[in-house]
Amino acid sequence: MFFRILKLIIRIFGITGFAGAMALATAGTAQAASDAALCGTDRLIDIAEMNWPSAAALAQIHAIILEKGYGCNVEIVSGDTVPTSASLLAKGTPAIAPELWTGTIQEAWDKGVADGSVVVAGLAISDGAVEGWWIPKYVADANPNLKSVEDLPDFAQLFADPEDPDQGRFISCPPGWGCEIGNAALFEAYGLEDSFNLFSPGSGGNLDATIARAFIREEPIVFYYWGPTGLMGKYDMVQLTMPPYNAEIWNCNTDANCQPKGKSSFATPPVVVATASWLAEEAPNVAEYLGNVALNNVQISRMLTWGDENKASSLETAMNFLETQSDIWSGWVPEEVAAAVMASL
């Protein structure tokens, strides 16, 4: 392809054009070599774009910085906690999971870190995250005896399932999310099958839309959710209490072959930037960058709120963050990388 283009330039512009083309080619080759040296590897770096807003935006942010700033060969791939972590542990791909919640895969994940198949590059959320079951504050205010998950059977009719009014409806996680396993286990442990239906929203977008619609209409709803998110920053939610986190119980809850399921709060270990081990070995500059990228709850919520208010895609949300928050992300990278990213914007 390269020589066909050169021949075309020669036919159109003659020898002068050829000389110019060679100069451009030489400069381009030098730049490519410089970029490759900065990236550290010419292997494809695939980045998992999980299907919840913060993880999706972070994937796009890292893809832009690694491609435009470090000159890496980057590709965004679809991901979810369970399949992405399983693939990362078994195959070393995707190369990067920018926001991995390891609580529902803790045992397998710890083994993978110990045997060196995966690496924790750093934190994704610097001040930690939260998971749990929630109700709107207006529901909590109107029903002061509803404070814990243990209380839910007494309030099933408050959350009546439109398709099965004799049962309540609990809004769980979309298929493929790690929390889907934990929610099902807790549902069983609390014996909620007799009073509630476990409802899957189908996707992260549907989960958000279902919650937002209930809040806007001030309707009763009980649901799983996590933070930081733009939605949690936007609506006043009250968390239903559960017993303290118990590692032994939780490991059983996330193992389909383990019985009985038990009562425990969600595991809330650090939310990490996870990578395949080869990335740290071949691209230490990239690994160093990923060790710097933690955002706090306020910063992530601010980014996601802009995305919600502007109905933006994950790429648009990432672009807005890079364009308006350079004081944050420029500190993650060397000056020349920051300059290259800014120029690309």
C-alpha atoms as a PDB file:
ATOM      1  CA  MET A   1       0.000   0.000   0.000  1.00  0.00           C
ATOM      2  CA  PHE A   2       2.796   2.428   0.965  1.00  0.00           C
ATOM      3  CA  PHE A   3       4.641   1.992  -2.359  1.00  0.00           C
ATOM      4  CA  ARG A   4       1.427   2.239  -4.394  1.00  0.00           C
ATOM      5  CA  ILE A   5       0.822   5.633  -2.786  1.00  0.00           C
ATOM      6  CA  LEU A   6       4.410   6.712  -3.557  1.00  0.00           C
ATOM      7  CA  LYS A   7       4.022   5.670  -7.199  1.00  0.00           C
ATOM      8  CA  LEU A   8       0.811   7.653  -7.445  1.00  0.00           C
ATOM      9  CA  ILE A   9       2.561  10.739  -6.025  1.00  0.00           C
ATOM     10  CA  ILE A  10       5.400  10.311  -8.555  1.00  0.00           C
ATOM     11  CA  ARG A  11       2.957  10.119 -11.469  1.00  0.00           C
ATOM     12  CA  ILE A  12       1.141  13.242 -10.339  1.00  0.00           C
ATOM     13  CA  PHE A  13       3.941  15.421  -8.995  1.00  0.00           C
ATOM     14  CA  GLY A  14       7.143  14.007 -10.517  1.00  0.00           C
ATOM     15  CA  ILE A  15      10.471  13.572  -8.780  1.00  0.00           C
ATOM     16  CA  THR A  16       9.946  16.620  -6.533  1.00  0.00           C
ATOM     17  CA  GLY A  17       6.779  15.067  -5.258  1.00  0.00           C
ATOM     18  CA  PHE A  18       8.681  11.842  -4.730  1.00  0.00           C
ATOM     19  CA  ALA A  19      11.356  13.592  -2.706  1.00  0.00           C
ATOM     20  CA  GLY A  20       8.682  15.289  -0.615  1.00  0.00           C
ATOM     21  CA  ALA A  21       6.872  12.021  -0.159  1.00  0.00           C
ATOM     22  CA  MET A  22      10.061  10.331   0.983  1.00  0.00           C
ATOM     23  CA  ALA A  23      10.658  13.126   3.465  1.00  0.00           C
ATOM     24  CA  LEU A  24       7.143  12.783   4.789  1.00  0.00           C
ATOM     25  CA  ALA A  25       7.508   9.023   4.953  1.00  0.00           C
ATOM     26  CA  THR A  26      10.788   9.335   6.846  1.00  0.00           C
ATOM     27  CA  ALA A  27       9.221  11.770   9.299  1.00  0.00           C
ATOM     28  CA  GLY A  28       6.189   9.551   9.673  1.00  0.00           C
ATOM     29  CA  THR A  29       8.362   6.485  10.280  1.00  0.00           C
ATOM     30  CA  ALA A  30      10.354   8.364  12.906  1.00  0.00           C
ATOM     31  CA  GLN A  31       7.149   9.501  14.602  1.00  0.00           C
ATOM     32  CA  ALA A  32       5.734   5.984  14.504  1.00  0.00           C
ATOM     33  CA  ALA A  33       8.944   4.633  16.020  1.00  0.00           C
ATOM     34  CA  SER A  34       8.801   7.301  18.718  1.00  0.00           C
ATOM     35  CA  ASP A  35       5.159   6.460  19.458  1.00  0.00           C
ATOM     36  CA  ALA A  36       5.919   2.744  19.586  1.00  0.00           C
ATOM     37  CA  ALA A  37       8.796   3.382  21.994  1.00  0.00           C
ATOM     38  CA  LEU A  38       6.535   5.462  24.219  1.00  0.00           C
ATOM     39  CA  CYS A  39       3.803   2.821  24.203  1.00  0.00           C
ATOM     40  CA  GLY A  40       6.304   0.019  24.673  1.00  0.00           C
ATOM     41  CA  THR A  41       4.446  -2.547  22.585  1.00  0.00           C
ATOM     42  CA  ASP A  42       3.000  -2.838  19.093  1.00  0.00           C
ATOM     43  CA  ARG A  43       0.551  -5.507  20.246  1.00  0.00           C
ATOM     44  CA  LEU A  44      -3.120  -4.636  20.214  1.00  0.00           C
ATOM     45  CA  ILE A  45      -4.263  -3.286  23.578  1.00  0.00           C
ATOM     46  CA  ASP A  46      -7.945  -4.170  23.880  1.00  0.00           C
ATOM     47  CA  ILE A  47      -9.865  -2.284  26.553  1.00  0.00           C
ATOM     48  CA  ALA A  48     -13.097  -3.629  28.039  1.00  0.00           C
ATOM     49  CA  GLU A  49     -15.991  -1.175  27.875  1.00  0.00           C
ATOM     50  CA  MET A  50     -18.321  -2.462  30.590  1.00  0.00           C
ATOM     51  CA  ASN A  51     -21.991  -1.659  30.112  1.00  0.00           C
ATOM     52  CA  TRP A  52     -22.417   0.780  32.991  1.00  0.00           C
ATOM     53  CA  PRO A  53     -21.728   4.502  32.551  1.00  0.00           C
ATOM     54  CA  SER A  54     -18.627   5.091  34.668  1.00  0.00           C
ATOM     55  CA  ALA A  55     -16.740   2.052  33.349  1.00  0.00           C
ATOM     56  CA  ALA A  56     -17.754   2.820  29.762  1.00  0.00           C
ATOM     57  CA  ALA A  57     -16.565   6.429  29.995  1.00  0.00           C
ATOM     58  CA  LEU A  58     -13.291   5.390  31.629  1.00  0.00           C
ATOM     59  CA  ALA A  59     -12.642   2.873  28.842  1.00  0.00           C
ATOM     60  CA  GLN A  60     -13.046   5.628  26.241  1.00  0.00           C
ATOM     61  CA  ILE A  61     -10.835   8.050  28.209  1.00  0.00           C
ATOM     62  CA  HIS A  62      -8.019   5.520  28.442  1.00  0.00           C
ATOM     63  CA  ALA A  63      -8.383   4.533  24.793  1.00  0.00           C
ATOM     64  CA  ILE A  64      -7.982   8.145  23.660  1.00  0.00           C
ATOM     65  CA  ILE A  65      -5.009   8.842  25.921  1.00  0.00           C
ATOM     66  CA  LEU A  66      -3.212   5.608  25.018  1.00  0.00           C
ATOM     67  CA  GLU A  67      -3.800   6.012  21.293  1.00  0.00           C
ATOM     68  CA  LYS A  68      -3.300   9.761  20.872  1.00  0.00           C
ATOM     69  CA  GLY A  69      -0.790  10.309  23.670  1.00  0.00           C
ATOM     70  CA  TYR A  70       1.244   7.126  23.770  1.00  0.00           C
ATOM     71  CA  GLY A  71       0.799   5.953  20.179  1.00  0.00           C
ATOM     72  CA  CYS A  72      -0.588   2.564  21.180  1.00  0.00           C
ATOM     73  CA  ASN A  73      -2.648   0.288  18.968  1.00  0.00           C
ATOM     74  CA  VAL A  74      -5.947   0.334  20.860  1.00  0.00           C
ATOM     75  CA  GLU A  75      -9.348  -1.291  20.451  1.00  0.00           C
ATOM     76  CA  ILE A  76     -12.506  -0.980  22.557  1.00  0.00           C
ATOM     77  CA  VAL A  77     -14.319  -4.279  23.196  1.00  0.00           C
ATOM     78  CA  SER A  78     -17.581  -4.982  24.985  1.00  0.00           C
ATOM     79  CA  GLY A  79     -17.354  -6.339  28.516  1.00  0.00           C
ATOM     80  CA  ASP A  80     -19.123  -7.344  31.728  1.00  0.00           C
ATOM     81  CA  THR A  81     -17.678  -8.208  35.128  1.00  0.00           C
ATOM     82  CA  VAL A  82     -17.985 -11.985  35.008  1.00  0.00           C
ATOM     83  CA  PRO A  83     -17.096 -12.752  31.358  1.00  0.00           C
ATOM     84  CA  THR A  84     -14.386 -10.087  31.215  1.00  0.00           C
ATOM     85  CA  SER A  85     -12.659 -11.256  34.388  1.00  0.00           C
ATOM     86  CA  ALA A  86     -12.933 -14.898  33.287  1.00  0.00           C
ATOM     87  CA  SER A  87     -11.350 -14.098  29.913  1.00  0.00           C
ATOM     88  CA  LEU A  88      -8.686 -11.941  31.520  1.00  0.00           C
ATOM     89  CA  LEU A  89      -7.751 -14.701  33.946  1.00  0.00           C
ATOM     90  CA  ALA A  90      -7.776 -17.506  31.368  1.00  0.00           C
ATOM     91  CA  LYS A  91      -6.578 -15.818  28.170  1.00  0.00           C
ATOM     92  CA  GLY A  92      -4.930 -12.515  29.068  1.00  0.00           C
ATOM     93  CA  THR A  93      -7.522 -10.608  27.096  1.00  0.00           C
ATOM     94  CA  PRO A  94      -8.824  -7.940  27.156  1.00  0.00           C
ATOM     95  CA  ALA A  95      -5.574  -6.275  28.120  1.00  0.00           C
ATOM     96  CA  ILE A  96      -7.279  -3.687  30.343  1.00  0.00           C
ATOM     97  CA  ALA A  97     -10.446  -3.667  32.457  1.00  0.00           C
ATOM     98  CA  PRO A  98     -10.641  -0.026  33.589  1.00  0.00           C
ATOM     99  CA  GLU A  99     -13.214  -0.503  36.373  1.00  0.00           C
ATOM    100  CA  LEU A 100     -13.313  -4.044  37.705  1.00  0.00           C
ATOM    101  CA  TRP A 101     -15.451  -4.830  40.745  1.00  0.00           C
ATOM    102  CA  THR A 102     -13.797  -7.967  42.091  1.00  0.00           C
ATOM    103  CA  GLY A 103     -16.169  -8.653  45.003  1.00  0.00           C
ATOM    104  CA  THR A 104     -18.231 -11.304  43.223  1.00  0.00           C
ATOM    105  CA  ILE A 105     -15.159 -13.055  41.790  1.00  0.00           C
ATOM    106  CA  GLN A 106     -12.818 -12.495  44.739  1.00  0.00           C
ATOM    107  CA  GLU A 107     -11.497 -16.024  45.208  1.00  0.00           C
ATOM    108  CA  ALA A 108     -10.689 -16.571  41.525  1.00  0.00           C
ATOM    109  CA  TRP A 109      -9.315 -13.049  41.233  1.00  0.00           C
ATOM    110  CA  ASP A 110      -7.017 -13.388  44.232  1.00  0.00           C
ATOM    111  CA  LYS A 111      -5.680 -16.649  42.780  1.00  0.00           C
ATOM    112  CA  GLY A 112      -5.040 -14.958  39.422  1.00  0.00           C
ATOM    113  CA  VAL A 113      -3.138 -12.121  41.089  1.00  0.00           C
ATOM    114  CA  ALA A 114      -1.125 -14.603  43.162  1.00  0.00           C
ATOM    115  CA  ASP A 115      -0.110 -16.744  40.181  1.00  0.00           C
ATOM    116  CA  GLY A 116       0.724 -13.696  38.063  1.00  0.00           C
ATOM    117  CA  SER A 117      -1.849 -14.108  35.298  1.00  0.00           C
ATOM    118  CA  VAL A 118      -3.377 -10.700  36.074  1.00  0.00           C
ATOM    119  CA  VAL A 119      -2.116  -7.489  37.613  1.00  0.00           C
ATOM    120  CA  VAL A 120      -3.840  -4.771  39.599  1.00  0.00           C
ATOM    121  CA  ALA A 121      -2.419  -1.636  38.003  1.00  0.00           C
ATOM    122  CA  GLY A 122      -4.103   0.699  40.488  1.00  0.00           C
ATOM    123  CA  LEU A 123      -7.395   1.970  41.799  1.00  0.00           C
ATOM    124  CA  ALA A 124     -10.231   3.068  39.533  1.00  0.00           C
ATOM    125  CA  ILE A 125     -12.120   4.828  42.360  1.00  0.00           C
ATOM    126  CA  SER A 126      -9.779   6.386  44.892  1.00  0.00           C
ATOM    127  CA  ASP A 127     -12.202   6.664  47.812  1.00  0.00           C
ATOM    128  CA  GLY A 128     -14.018   3.387  47.287  1.00  0.00           C
ATOM    129  CA  ALA A 129     -17.461   2.387  46.112  1.00  0.00           C
ATOM    130  CA  VAL A 130     -20.752   1.193  47.553  1.00  0.00           C
ATOM    131  CA  GLU A 131     -23.207  -1.570  46.622  1.00  0.00           C
ATOM    132  CA  GLY A 132     -26.528  -2.445  48.146  1.00  0.00           C
ATOM    133  CA  TRP A 133     -30.322  -2.522  48.033  1.00  0.00           C
ATOM    134  CA  TRP A 134     -32.073   0.834  48.065  1.00  0.00           C
ATOM    135  CA  ILE A 135     -35.423   2.596  48.328  1.00  0.00           C
ATOM    136  CA  PRO A 136     -36.246   6.258  47.596  1.00  0.00           C
ATOM    137  CA  LYS A 137     -36.091   8.608  50.578  1.00  0.00           C
ATOM    138  CA  TYR A 138     -39.752   9.492  50.066  1.00  0.00           C
ATOM    139  CA  VAL A 139     -40.603   5.808  50.541  1.00  0.00           C
ATOM    140  CA  ALA A 140     -38.405   5.595  53.652  1.00  0.00           C
ATOM    141  CA  ASP A 141     -40.004   8.728  55.113  1.00  0.00           C
ATOM    142  CA  ALA A 142     -43.521   7.370  54.542  1.00  0.00           C
ATOM    143  CA  ASN A 143     -42.641   3.908  55.917  1.00  0.00           C
ATOM    144  CA  PRO A 144     -40.384   4.346  58.958  1.00  0.00           C
ATOM    145  CA  ASN A 145     -40.536   0.628  59.811  1.00  0.00           C
ATOM    146  CA  LEU A 146     -38.880  -0.294  56.521  1.00  0.00           C
ATOM    147  CA  LYS A 147     -35.213  -0.088  57.370  1.00  0.00           C
ATOM    148  CA  SER A 148     -33.631  -3.421  56.515  1.00  0.00           C
ATOM    149  CA  VAL A 149     -33.827  -6.208  53.958  1.00  0.00           C
ATOM    150  CA  GLU A 150     -35.358  -8.322  56.729  1.00  0.00           C
ATOM    151  CA  ASP A 151     -38.370  -5.970  56.684  1.00  0.00           C
ATOM    152  CA  LEU A 152     -39.146  -6.403  52.980  1.00  0.00           C
ATOM    153  CA  PRO A 153     -41.684  -9.290  53.231  1.00  0.00           C
ATOM    154  CA  ASP A 154     -43.975  -7.025  55.285  1.00  0.00           C
ATOM    155  CA  PHE A 155     -43.933  -4.421  52.508  1.00  0.00           C
ATOM    156  CA  ALA A 156     -44.354  -6.646  49.449  1.00  0.00           C
ATOM    157  CA  GLN A 157     -47.651  -5.013  48.467  1.00  0.00           C
ATOM    158  CA  LEU A 158     -46.026  -1.577  48.577  1.00  0.00           C
ATOM    159  CA  PHE A 159     -43.733  -2.739  45.758  1.00  0.00           C
ATOM    160  CA  ALA A 160     -46.361  -4.835  43.929  1.00  0.00           C
ATOM    161  CA  ASP A 161     -45.209  -6.411  40.677  1.00  0.00           C
ATOM    162  CA  PRO A 162     -47.385  -4.980  37.829  1.00  0.00           C
ATOM    163  CA  GLU A 163     -47.363  -8.399  36.149  1.00  0.00           C
ATOM    164  CA  ASP A 164     -48.010 -10.366  39.349  1.00  0.00           C
ATOM    165  CA  PRO A 165     -49.731  -8.088  41.903  1.00  0.00           C
ATOM    166  CA  ASP A 166     -49.741 -10.685  44.667  1.00  0.00           C
ATOM    167  CA  GLN A 167     -45.944 -10.473  44.758  1.00  0.00           C
ATOM    168  CA  GLY A 168     -43.582  -7.580  45.242  1.00  0.00           C
ATOM    169  CA  ARG A 169     -40.979  -6.731  42.598  1.00  0.00           C
ATOM    170  CA  PHE A 170     -37.290  -6.353  43.385  1.00  0.00           C
ATOM    171  CA  ILE A 171     -35.258  -4.762  40.578  1.00  0.00           C
ATOM    172  CA  SER A 172     -32.006  -6.701  40.273  1.00  0.00           C
ATOM    173  CA  CYS A 173     -28.965  -6.514  37.970  1.00  0.00           C
ATOM    174  CA  PRO A 174     -28.767  -7.024  34.221  1.00  0.00           C
ATOM    175  CA  PRO A 175     -27.562 -10.433  32.999  1.00  0.00           C
ATOM    176  CA  GLY A 176     -23.783 -10.819  33.024  1.00  0.00           C
ATOM    177  CA  TRP A 177     -23.122  -8.362  35.836  1.00  0.00           C
ATOM    178  CA  GLY A 178     -21.372  -9.799  38.875  1.00  0.00           C
ATOM    179  CA  CYS A 179     -24.066  -8.386  41.176  1.00  0.00           C
ATOM    180  CA  GLU A 180     -26.664 -10.590  39.482  1.00  0.00           C
ATOM    181  CA  ILE A 181     -25.154 -13.610  41.251  1.00  0.00           C
ATOM    182  CA  GLY A 182     -24.970 -11.880  44.627  1.00  0.00           C
ATOM    183  CA  ASN A 183     -28.520 -10.570  44.406  1.00  0.00           C
ATOM    184  CA  ALA A 184     -29.930 -14.003  43.580  1.00  0.00           C
ATOM    185  CA  ALA A 185     -28.053 -15.505  46.532  1.00  0.00           C
ATOM    186  CA  LEU A 186     -29.321 -12.856  48.944  1.00  0.00           C
ATOM    187  CA  PHE A 187     -32.847 -13.250  47.576  1.00  0.00           C
ATOM    188  CA  GLU A 188     -32.610 -16.940  48.464  1.00  0.00           C
ATOM    189  CA  ALA A 189     -30.932 -16.355  51.831  1.00  0.00           C
ATOM    190  CA  TYR A 190     -33.664 -13.960  52.976  1.00  0.00           C
ATOM    191  CA  GLY A 191     -36.435 -16.278  51.729  1.00  0.00           C
ATOM    192  CA  LEU A 192     -37.923 -13.556  49.547  1.00  0.00           C
ATOM    193  CA  GLU A 193     -39.268 -15.966  46.912  1.00  0.00           C
ATOM    194  CA  ASP A 194     -42.553 -16.226  48.857  1.00  0.00           C
ATOM    195  CA  SER A 195     -43.219 -12.476  48.732  1.00  0.00           C
ATOM    196  CA  PHE A 196     -41.165 -10.977  45.871  1.00  0.00           C
ATOM    197  CA  ASN A 197     -40.255 -11.620  42.258  1.00  0.00           C
ATOM    198  CA  LEU A 198     -36.627 -11.114  41.268  1.00  0.00           C
ATOM    199  CA  PHE A 199     -36.831  -8.888  38.198  1.00  0.00           C
ATOM    200  CA  SER A 200     -34.035  -8.424  35.656  1.00  0.00           C
ATOM    201  CA  PRO A 201     -34.058  -5.044  33.892  1.00  0.00           C
ATOM    202  CA  GLY A 202     -32.244  -6.506  30.885  1.00  0.00           C
ATOM    203  CA  SER A 203     -29.534  -3.833  30.591  1.00  0.00           C
ATOM    204  CA  GLY A 204     -27.801  -1.114  32.550  1.00  0.00           C
ATOM    205  CA  GLY A 205     -29.708   1.508  30.577  1.00  0.00           C
ATOM    206  CA  ASN A 206     -33.022  -0.114  31.448  1.00  0.00           C
ATOM    207  CA  LEU A 207     -32.023  -0.302  35.112  1.00  0.00           C
ATOM    208  CA  ASP A 208     -31.282   3.429  35.191  1.00  0.00           C
ATOM    209  CA  ALA A 209     -34.450   4.281  33.279  1.00  0.00           C
ATOM    210  CA  THR A 210     -36.613   2.171  35.599  1.00  0.00           C
ATOM    211  CA  ILE A 211     -35.178   3.835  38.700  1.00  0.00           C
ATOM    212  CA  ALA A 212     -35.359   7.350  37.261  1.00  0.00           C
ATOM    213  CA  ARG A 213     -38.974   6.868  36.144  1.00  0.00           C
ATOM    214  CA  ALA A 214     -40.006   5.766  39.644  1.00  0.00           C
ATOM    215  CA  PHE A 215     -38.299   8.759  41.250  1.00  0.00           C
ATOM    216  CA  ILE A 216     -39.809  11.227  38.792  1.00  0.00           C
ATOM    217  CA  ARG A 217     -43.293   9.811  39.468  1.00  0.00           C
ATOM    218  CA  GLU A 218     -42.562   9.332  43.196  1.00  0.00           C
ATOM    219  CA  GLU A 219     -43.569   5.690  42.951  1.00  0.00           C
ATOM    220  CA  PRO A 220     -42.411   2.964  45.371  1.00  0.00           C
ATOM    221  CA  ILE A 221     -39.435   0.961  44.149  1.00  0.00           C
ATOM    222  CA  VAL A 222     -36.841  -1.314  45.764  1.00  0.00           C
ATOM    223  CA  PHE A 223     -33.731  -1.976  43.730  1.00  0.00           C
ATOM    224  CA  TYR A 224     -30.067  -2.866  43.592  1.00  0.00           C
ATOM    225  CA  TYR A 225     -27.676  -0.022  42.845  1.00  0.00           C
ATOM    226  CA  TRP A 226     -24.115   1.080  43.345  1.00  0.00           C
ATOM    227  CA  GLY A 227     -22.001   4.210  43.462  1.00  0.00           C
ATOM    228  CA  PRO A 228     -20.436   6.379  42.348  1.00  0.00           C
ATOM    229  CA  THR A 229     -22.957   7.076  39.609  1.00  0.00           C
ATOM    230  CA  GLY A 230     -24.644  10.120  38.197  1.00  0.00           C
ATOM    231  CA  LEU A 231     -28.023   8.648  39.142  1.00  0.00           C
ATOM    232  CA  MET A 232     -27.071   8.219  42.777  1.00  0.00           C
ATOM    233  CA  GLY A 233     -25.887  11.817  42.843  1.00  0.00           C
ATOM    234  CA  LYS A 234     -29.131  12.973  41.281  1.00  0.00           C
ATOM    235  CA  TYR A 235     -31.724  11.148  43.422  1.00  0.00           C
ATOM    236  CA  ASP A 236     -32.023  10.785  47.189  1.00  0.00           C
ATOM    237  CA  MET A 237     -31.701   7.062  47.941  1.00  0.00           C
ATOM    238  CA  VAL A 238     -31.770   5.225  51.280  1.00  0.00           C
ATOM    239  CA  GLN A 239     -29.854   1.973  51.669  1.00  0.00           C
ATOM    240  CA  LEU A 240     -31.583  -0.968  53.348  1.00  0.00           C
ATOM    241  CA  THR A 241     -29.391  -2.437  56.073  1.00  0.00           C
ATOM    242  CA  MET A 242     -27.889  -5.928  55.872  1.00  0.00           C
ATOM    243  CA  PRO A 243     -25.648  -7.834  58.286  1.00  0.00           C
ATOM    244  CA  PRO A 244     -21.956  -6.905  58.065  1.00  0.00           C
ATOM    245  CA  TYR A 245     -19.911  -8.318  55.210  1.00  0.00           C
ATOM    246  CA  ASN A 246     -18.724 -11.868  55.879  1.00  0.00           C
ATOM    247  CA  ALA A 247     -16.092 -13.194  53.472  1.00  0.00           C
ATOM    248  CA  GLU A 248     -16.934 -16.877  53.997  1.00  0.00           C
ATOM    249  CA  ILE A 249     -20.645 -16.298  53.438  1.00  0.00           C
ATOM    250  CA  TRP A 250     -20.041 -14.073  50.441  1.00  0.00           C
ATOM    251  CA  ASN A 251     -17.704 -16.575  48.781  1.00  0.00           C
ATOM    252  CA  CYS A 252     -20.485 -19.149  49.079  1.00  0.00           C
ATOM    253  CA  ASN A 253     -23.054 -16.685  47.752  1.00  0.00           C
ATOM    254  CA  THR A 254     -21.013 -16.168  44.601  1.00  0.00           C
ATOM    255  CA  ASP A 255     -20.416 -19.904  44.036  1.00  0.00           C
ATOM    256  CA  ALA A 256     -23.319 -21.589  42.222  1.00  0.00           C
ATOM    257  CA  ASN A 257     -22.347 -24.971  43.720  1.00  0.00           C
ATOM    258  CA  CYS A 258     -22.245 -23.789  47.339  1.00  0.00           C
ATOM    259  CA  GLN A 259     -25.172 -24.082  49.768  1.00  0.00           C
ATOM    260  CA  PRO A 260     -26.715 -22.709  51.853  1.00  0.00           C
ATOM    261  CA  LYS A 261     -26.687 -19.085  50.807  1.00  0.00           C
ATOM    262  CA  GLY A 262     -26.196 -16.639  53.664  1.00  0.00           C
ATOM    263  CA  LYS A 263     -26.996 -13.124  54.808  1.00  0.00           C
ATOM    264  CA  SER A 264     -24.166 -10.679  54.296  1.00  0.00           C
ATOM    265  CA  SER A 265     -23.595  -7.211  52.944  1.00  0.00           C
ATOM    266  CA  PHE A 266     -21.976  -6.935  49.542  1.00  0.00           C
ATOM    267  CA  ALA A 267     -18.236  -7.245  49.380  1.00  0.00           C
ATOM    268  CA  THR A 268     -16.857  -3.815  48.648  1.00  0.00           C
ATOM    269  CA  PRO A 269     -13.165  -4.320  47.947  1.00  0.00           C
ATOM    270  CA  PRO A 270     -11.287  -1.639  46.031  1.00  0.00           C
ATOM    271  CA  VAL A 271     -12.543  -1.068  42.497  1.00  0.00           C
ATOM    272  CA  VAL A 272      -9.430  -1.639  40.430  1.00  0.00           C
ATOM    273  CA  VAL A 273      -7.836  -1.094  37.056  1.00  0.00           C
ATOM    274  CA  ALA A 274      -6.996  -4.650  36.049  1.00  0.00           C
ATOM    275  CA  THR A 275      -4.603  -5.717  33.313  1.00  0.00           C
ATOM    276  CA  ALA A 276      -3.213  -8.832  31.748  1.00  0.00           C
ATOM    277  CA  SER A 277       0.266  -9.600  33.060  1.00  0.00           C
ATOM    278  CA  TRP A 278       1.865  -9.185  29.631  1.00  0.00           C
ATOM    279  CA  LEU A 279       0.925  -5.511  29.514  1.00  0.00           C
ATOM    280  CA  ALA A 280       2.967  -4.637  32.583  1.00  0.00           C
ATOM    281  CA  GLU A 281       5.919  -6.594  31.173  1.00  0.00           C
ATOM    282  CA  GLU A 282       5.872  -5.188  27.626  1.00  0.00           C
ATOM    283  CA  ALA A 283       4.485  -1.681  28.221  1.00  0.00           C
ATOM    284  CA  PRO A 284       5.738  -0.320  31.544  1.00  0.00           C
ATOM    285  CA  ASN A 285       4.846   3.246  30.500  1.00  0.00           C
ATOM    286  CA  VAL A 286       1.235   2.176  30.033  1.00  0.00           C
ATOM    287  CA  ALA A 287       1.270   0.315  33.355  1.00  0.00           C
ATOM    288  CA  GLU A 288       2.655   3.419  35.082  1.00  0.00           C
ATOM    289  CA  TYR A 289      -0.091   5.538  33.501  1.00  0.00           C
ATOM    290  CA  LEU A 290      -2.813   3.137  34.663  1.00  0.00           C
ATOM    291  CA  GLY A 291      -1.439   3.363  38.182  1.00  0.00           C
ATOM    292  CA  ASN A 292      -2.174   7.105  38.185  1.00  0.00           C
ATOM    293  CA  VAL A 293      -5.741   7.231  36.897  1.00  0.00           C
ATOM    294  CA  ALA A 294      -7.881   6.908  40.046  1.00  0.00           C
ATOM    295  CA  LEU A 295     -10.802   9.354  40.261  1.00  0.00           C
ATOM    296  CA  ASN A 296     -12.782  10.061  43.404  1.00  0.00           C
ATOM    297  CA  ASN A 297     -16.562   9.772  43.784  1.00  0.00           C
ATOM    298  CA  VAL A 298     -17.156  13.478  43.255  1.00  0.00           C
ATOM    299  CA  GLN A 299     -15.103  13.582  40.047  1.00  0.00           C
ATOM    300  CA  ILE A 300     -16.802  10.509  38.591  1.00  0.00           C
ATOM    301  CA  SER A 301     -20.275  11.682  39.582  1.00  0.00           C
ATOM    302  CA  ARG A 302     -19.619  15.086  38.006  1.00  0.00           C
ATOM    303  CA  MET A 303     -18.509  13.425  34.775  1.00  0.00           C
ATOM    304  CA  LEU A 304     -21.551  11.140  34.702  1.00  0.00           C
ATOM    305  CA  THR A 305     -24.007  13.888  35.587  1.00  0.00           C
ATOM    306  CA  TRP A 306     -22.848  15.831  32.524  1.00  0.00           C
ATOM    307  CA  GLY A 307     -23.388  12.684  30.451  1.00  0.00           C
ATOM    308  CA  ASP A 308     -26.883  12.161  31.861  1.00  0.00           C
ATOM    309  CA  GLU A 309     -27.946  15.768  31.384  1.00  0.00           C
ATOM    310  CA  ASN A 310     -26.671  15.857  27.799  1.00  0.00           C
ATOM    311  CA  LYS A 311     -27.813  12.324  26.876  1.00  0.00           C
ATOM    312  CA  ALA A 312     -24.231  11.719  25.826  1.00  0.00           C
ATOM    313  CA  SER A 313     -22.606   8.496  24.683  1.00  0.00           C
ATOM    314  CA  SER A 314     -19.646   7.087  26.590  1.00  0.00           C
ATOM    315  CA  LEU A 315     -17.320   8.553  23.951  1.00  0.00           C
ATOM    316  CA  GLU A 316     -18.937  11.980  24.177  1.00  0.00           C
ATOM    317  CA  THR A 317     -18.738  11.860  27.963  1.00  0.00           C
ATOM    318  CA  ALA A 318     -15.054  10.940  27.739  1.00  0.00           C
ATOM    319  CA  MET A 319     -14.343  13.728  25.252  1.00  0.00           C
ATOM    320  CA  ASN A 320     -16.051  16.292  27.468  1.00  0.00           C
ATOM    321  CA  PHE A 321     -14.001  15.107  30.451  1.00  0.00           C
ATOM    322  CA  LEU A 322     -10.759  15.390  28.498  1.00  0.00           C
ATOM    323  CA  GLU A 323     -11.675  18.820  27.135  1.00  0.00           C
ATOM    324  CA  THR A 324     -12.859  20.335  30.423  1.00  0.00           C
ATOM    325  CA  GLN A 325     -10.877  18.482  33.102  1.00  0.00           C
ATOM    326  CA  SER A 326      -7.325  18.658  31.786  1.00  0.00           C
ATOM    327  CA  ASP A 327      -6.177  19.822  35.217  1.00  0.00           C
ATOM    328  CA  ILE A 328      -7.083  16.334  36.478  1.00  0.00           C
ATOM    329  CA  TRP A 329      -5.946  13.970  33.741  1.00  0.00           C
ATOM    330  CA  SER A 330      -2.830  15.858  32.640  1.00  0.00           C
ATOM    331  CA  GLY A 331      -1.356  14.903  36.001  1.00  0.00           C
ATOM    332  CA  TRP A 332      -1.593  11.244  35.029  1.00  0.00           C
ATOM    333  CA  VAL A 333       0.847  11.527  32.110  1.00  0.00           C
ATOM    334  CA  PRO A 334       4.154  13.139  31.044  1.00  0.00           C
ATOM    335  CA  GLU A 335       3.913  16.635  29.544  1.00  0.00           C
ATOM    336  CA  GLU A 336       4.525  15.463  25.968  1.00  0.00           C
ATOM    337  CA  VAL A 337       1.711  12.927  26.238  1.00  0.00           C
ATOM    338  CA  ALA A 338      -0.689  15.525  27.617  1.00  0.00           C
ATOM    339  CA  ALA A 339       0.252  17.897  24.785  1.00  0.00           C
ATOM    340  CA  ALA A 340      -0.384  15.217  22.155  1.00  0.00           C
ATOM    341  CA  VAL A 341      -3.778  14.362  23.613  1.00  0.00           C
ATOM    342  CA  MET A 342      -4.781  18.029  23.802  1.00  0.00           C
ATOM    343  CA  ALA A 343      -3.716  18.541  20.184  1.00  0.00           C
ATOM    344  CA  SER A 344      -5.843  15.578  19.091  1.00  0.00           C
ATOM    345  CA  LEU A 345      -8.912  17.079  20.771  1.00  0.00           C
END
